[in-house]
Protein backbone atom coordinates (compact mmCIF):
# COMPACT_ATOMS: atom_id res chain seq x y z
CA MET A 1 23.63 4.55 -50.79
CA LYS A 2 26.60 5.87 -48.88
CA LYS A 3 29.12 3.40 -47.47
CA ILE A 4 30.81 4.12 -44.17
CA PHE A 5 34.26 2.75 -43.54
CA LEU A 6 35.85 2.68 -40.11
CA ASN A 7 39.61 2.56 -39.87
CA ASN A 8 41.39 0.70 -37.12
CA ASN A 9 41.72 3.82 -34.93
CA TRP A 10 37.94 4.34 -34.79
CA LEU A 11 37.35 0.66 -34.10
CA ALA A 12 39.89 0.69 -31.25
CA LEU A 13 38.28 3.80 -29.77
CA MET A 14 34.78 2.24 -29.84
CA VAL A 15 36.05 -0.95 -28.16
CA ALA A 16 37.86 1.05 -25.46
CA VAL A 17 34.77 3.14 -24.69
CA SER A 18 32.57 0.04 -24.48
CA ILE A 19 34.95 -1.48 -21.93
CA ILE A 20 35.69 1.61 -19.83
CA LEU A 21 32.16 3.00 -19.37
CA PRO A 22 30.56 -0.11 -17.84
CA SER A 23 33.50 -0.60 -15.50
CA CYS A 24 33.10 2.99 -14.21
CA LEU A 25 29.44 2.37 -13.52
CA LYS A 26 30.31 -0.70 -11.45
CA ASP A 27 32.65 1.22 -9.18
CA LYS A 28 31.97 0.20 -5.56
CA ASP A 29 31.84 3.78 -4.26
CA ASN A 30 29.24 4.74 -6.87
CA GLU A 31 27.08 1.73 -5.99
CA ASP A 32 27.08 2.63 -2.30
CA MET A 33 26.08 6.22 -3.03
CA ILE A 34 23.28 5.42 -5.48
CA SER A 35 21.72 2.21 -4.26
CA GLY A 36 21.11 0.43 -1.01
CA PRO A 37 23.38 -1.89 0.89
CA GLN A 38 25.57 -4.23 -1.18
CA ASN A 39 26.24 -7.97 -0.73
CA THR A 40 23.18 -8.39 1.47
CA GLU A 41 22.35 -12.04 0.86
CA GLY A 42 20.78 -13.44 4.02
CA GLN A 43 21.01 -10.12 5.87
CA GLU A 44 18.20 -7.93 7.16
CA TRP A 45 18.31 -4.12 6.82
CA VAL A 46 16.20 -1.07 7.58
CA THR A 47 16.66 1.92 5.29
CA ILE A 48 15.12 5.29 4.48
CA PRO A 49 14.43 5.13 0.72
CA LYS A 50 14.15 8.95 0.51
CA GLY A 51 17.66 9.09 1.98
CA ASN A 52 19.09 8.45 -1.48
CA LYS A 53 18.42 12.10 -2.39
CA ALA A 54 20.72 14.91 -1.31
CA ALA A 55 17.63 16.79 -0.11
CA ASN A 56 13.87 16.37 -0.30
CA VAL A 57 12.12 19.71 -0.89
CA LEU A 58 8.58 20.43 0.31
CA ALA A 59 6.44 23.54 -0.13
CA ILE A 60 4.30 24.03 2.97
CA GLU A 61 1.13 26.08 3.22
CA ALA A 62 1.20 29.06 5.53
CA LYS A 63 -1.43 28.30 8.17
CA SER A 64 -2.27 29.88 11.48
CA GLU A 65 -2.56 26.48 13.17
CA PRO A 66 -0.07 23.58 13.35
CA GLN A 67 -0.26 21.08 10.48
CA ASP A 68 0.80 17.46 9.99
CA VAL A 69 3.59 17.01 7.44
CA ASN A 70 4.20 13.44 6.25
CA LEU A 71 7.90 13.00 5.57
CA PHE A 72 9.03 9.43 4.90
CA GLN A 73 8.67 5.71 5.54
CA VAL A 74 11.30 3.20 6.64
CA SER A 75 11.85 0.13 4.48
CA TYR A 76 12.56 -3.36 5.77
CA ASP A 77 14.90 -4.86 3.18
CA TYR A 78 14.93 -8.64 3.27
CA VAL A 79 13.78 -11.49 1.05
CA ASP A 80 10.62 -11.94 3.15
CA PRO A 81 8.33 -9.33 4.73
CA ALA A 82 8.79 -8.59 8.43
CA SER A 83 8.14 -11.65 10.59
CA THR A 84 7.35 -9.45 13.59
CA ASP A 85 6.73 -5.75 14.22
CA ILE A 86 10.00 -3.82 13.79
CA THR A 87 10.33 -0.43 15.46
CA THR A 88 12.88 2.04 14.12
CA THR A 89 13.79 5.08 16.22
CA MET A 90 14.84 8.43 14.71
CA VAL A 91 16.83 11.34 16.07
CA VAL A 92 17.01 14.89 14.73
CA ASN A 93 20.35 15.40 12.96
CA ASN A 94 20.77 19.01 11.90
CA ASP A 95 24.41 18.46 10.93
CA LEU A 96 22.86 17.20 7.68
CA VAL A 97 21.39 20.68 7.08
CA THR A 98 24.61 22.63 7.59
CA ALA A 99 26.65 20.08 5.63
CA TYR A 100 24.23 20.38 2.69
CA ASP A 101 24.12 24.19 2.48
CA PRO A 102 25.21 26.65 5.18
CA THR A 103 22.69 29.22 3.86
CA VAL A 104 19.73 26.96 4.73
CA ILE A 105 18.28 27.81 8.14
CA VAL A 106 17.89 24.95 10.61
CA LEU A 107 14.18 24.49 11.32
CA PRO A 108 13.63 26.10 14.75
CA ALA A 109 12.95 23.51 17.45
CA ASN A 110 9.91 25.45 18.67
CA ALA A 111 8.33 25.41 15.18
CA PHE A 112 7.82 21.63 15.02
CA THR A 113 7.14 18.57 17.13
CA MET A 114 7.43 14.87 16.43
CA PRO A 115 4.28 13.00 17.48
CA SER A 116 6.53 9.94 17.66
CA ALA A 117 10.27 9.46 17.22
CA SER A 118 9.59 5.92 15.95
CA THR A 119 8.05 4.19 12.99
CA VAL A 120 6.84 0.60 12.89
CA VAL A 121 7.12 -1.89 10.05
CA ALA A 122 4.16 -4.09 10.89
CA LYS A 123 4.40 -7.87 10.77
CA GLY A 124 3.92 -9.03 7.16
CA GLN A 125 4.86 -5.64 5.71
CA ARG A 126 7.97 -4.12 4.10
CA LEU A 127 7.24 -0.42 4.70
CA SER A 128 6.63 1.37 7.98
CA ASP A 129 3.90 3.77 8.91
CA MET A 130 4.60 7.38 7.92
CA PHE A 131 7.12 9.36 9.93
CA LYS A 132 5.73 12.86 10.32
CA ILE A 133 6.18 16.12 12.11
CA VAL A 134 3.68 18.75 13.21
CA LEU A 135 4.82 22.10 11.82
CA ASN A 136 3.70 25.57 12.87
CA THR A 137 4.57 28.02 10.07
CA ASP A 138 3.56 30.98 12.28
CA LEU A 139 6.68 30.30 14.37
CA LEU A 140 9.08 30.59 11.43
CA PRO A 141 10.90 33.94 11.76
CA ASP A 142 11.26 34.55 8.00
CA PRO A 143 8.56 33.01 5.76
CA THR A 144 10.67 33.71 2.65
CA ALA A 145 13.65 31.66 3.88
CA VAL A 146 14.47 28.01 3.20
CA TYR A 147 14.44 25.85 6.33
CA GLY A 148 15.90 22.39 6.79
CA VAL A 149 15.72 19.47 9.19
CA GLY A 150 17.54 16.15 9.12
CA PHE A 151 16.81 12.79 10.69
CA THR A 152 18.95 9.71 11.32
CA ILE A 153 17.97 6.15 12.21
CA SER A 154 19.41 5.67 15.69
CA SER A 155 18.19 2.18 16.55
CA VAL A 156 16.07 -0.75 15.45
CA SER A 157 14.15 -3.08 17.76
CA LYS A 158 14.80 -6.41 16.07
CA PRO A 159 18.21 -7.95 16.85
CA GLY A 160 20.36 -8.64 13.80
CA VAL A 161 18.73 -6.00 11.60
CA GLN A 162 21.41 -3.69 10.25
CA ILE A 163 21.35 0.03 9.41
CA PRO A 164 23.43 0.93 6.33
CA SER A 165 25.46 4.12 6.54
CA ASN A 166 24.31 5.36 3.10
CA LEU A 167 20.54 5.15 3.74
CA LYS A 168 20.19 5.96 7.44
CA ASN A 169 19.97 9.76 7.00
CA VAL A 170 17.34 11.92 5.34
CA LEU A 171 17.22 15.67 4.81
CA PHE A 172 14.13 17.82 4.20
CA LEU A 173 14.06 21.43 3.06
CA PHE A 174 10.92 23.53 3.52
CA THR A 175 9.68 26.62 1.78
CA VAL A 176 6.50 28.37 2.85
CA LYS A 177 3.96 28.97 0.12
CA ASN A 178 2.68 32.49 -0.36
CA LYS A 179 -0.86 32.84 1.00
CA TYR A 180 -2.02 33.69 -2.55
CA ASP A 181 -0.43 30.55 -4.00
CA GLY A 182 -2.92 28.40 -5.89
CA ARG A 183 -4.66 27.79 -9.17
CA TYR A 184 -7.00 30.46 -10.38
CA THR A 185 -9.59 30.53 -13.14
CA VAL A 186 -11.10 33.53 -14.81
CA ASN A 187 -14.67 33.48 -16.10
CA GLY A 188 -16.08 36.03 -18.48
CA THR A 189 -14.64 38.43 -21.00
CA MET A 190 -11.07 39.66 -20.71
CA VAL A 191 -10.03 43.05 -22.09
CA ASP A 192 -6.46 44.10 -22.83
CA ALA A 193 -6.24 47.64 -21.41
CA ALA A 194 -3.13 48.37 -23.48
CA SER A 195 -5.11 48.11 -26.75
């Protein structure tokens, strides 16, 4: 059996690493970027959980008719579920697209509609109904490009409910699937023509 001896330098290094790493992870700026609002005891918030990603990427089928695209839900963050219906209103914020990547094309305004600019967290619930858009891929000028659209929570109906700056925005990137995209199966005998 081999014995391992640690000198004082190795021991000091291990102690330093064990102290420094956890303190870096508890950095206030990192917490705000990764998680939801901090020090929220007794406060009510509405957030977009998918807003914690830099971008949410969706592959959309190429269709000749407009299609519903479910994007996200709004979360009511409080110790108890909503005591009344809470309406959250969204606005399109395409500054999020250009800030993320200037090569991404802003989704043309004529290619999509919002059936509703609001979502509702129903009484007794914590999540809203689905915020969606109706997208017409036929109106996209280049089906091989990447398109983006951003949304921001602009208001909330219940007084006292706050909107945190780090989870009020959400960005979606769209790619259009090739019309031949799918899963295929082959039945029968296969022959290698090169043989």
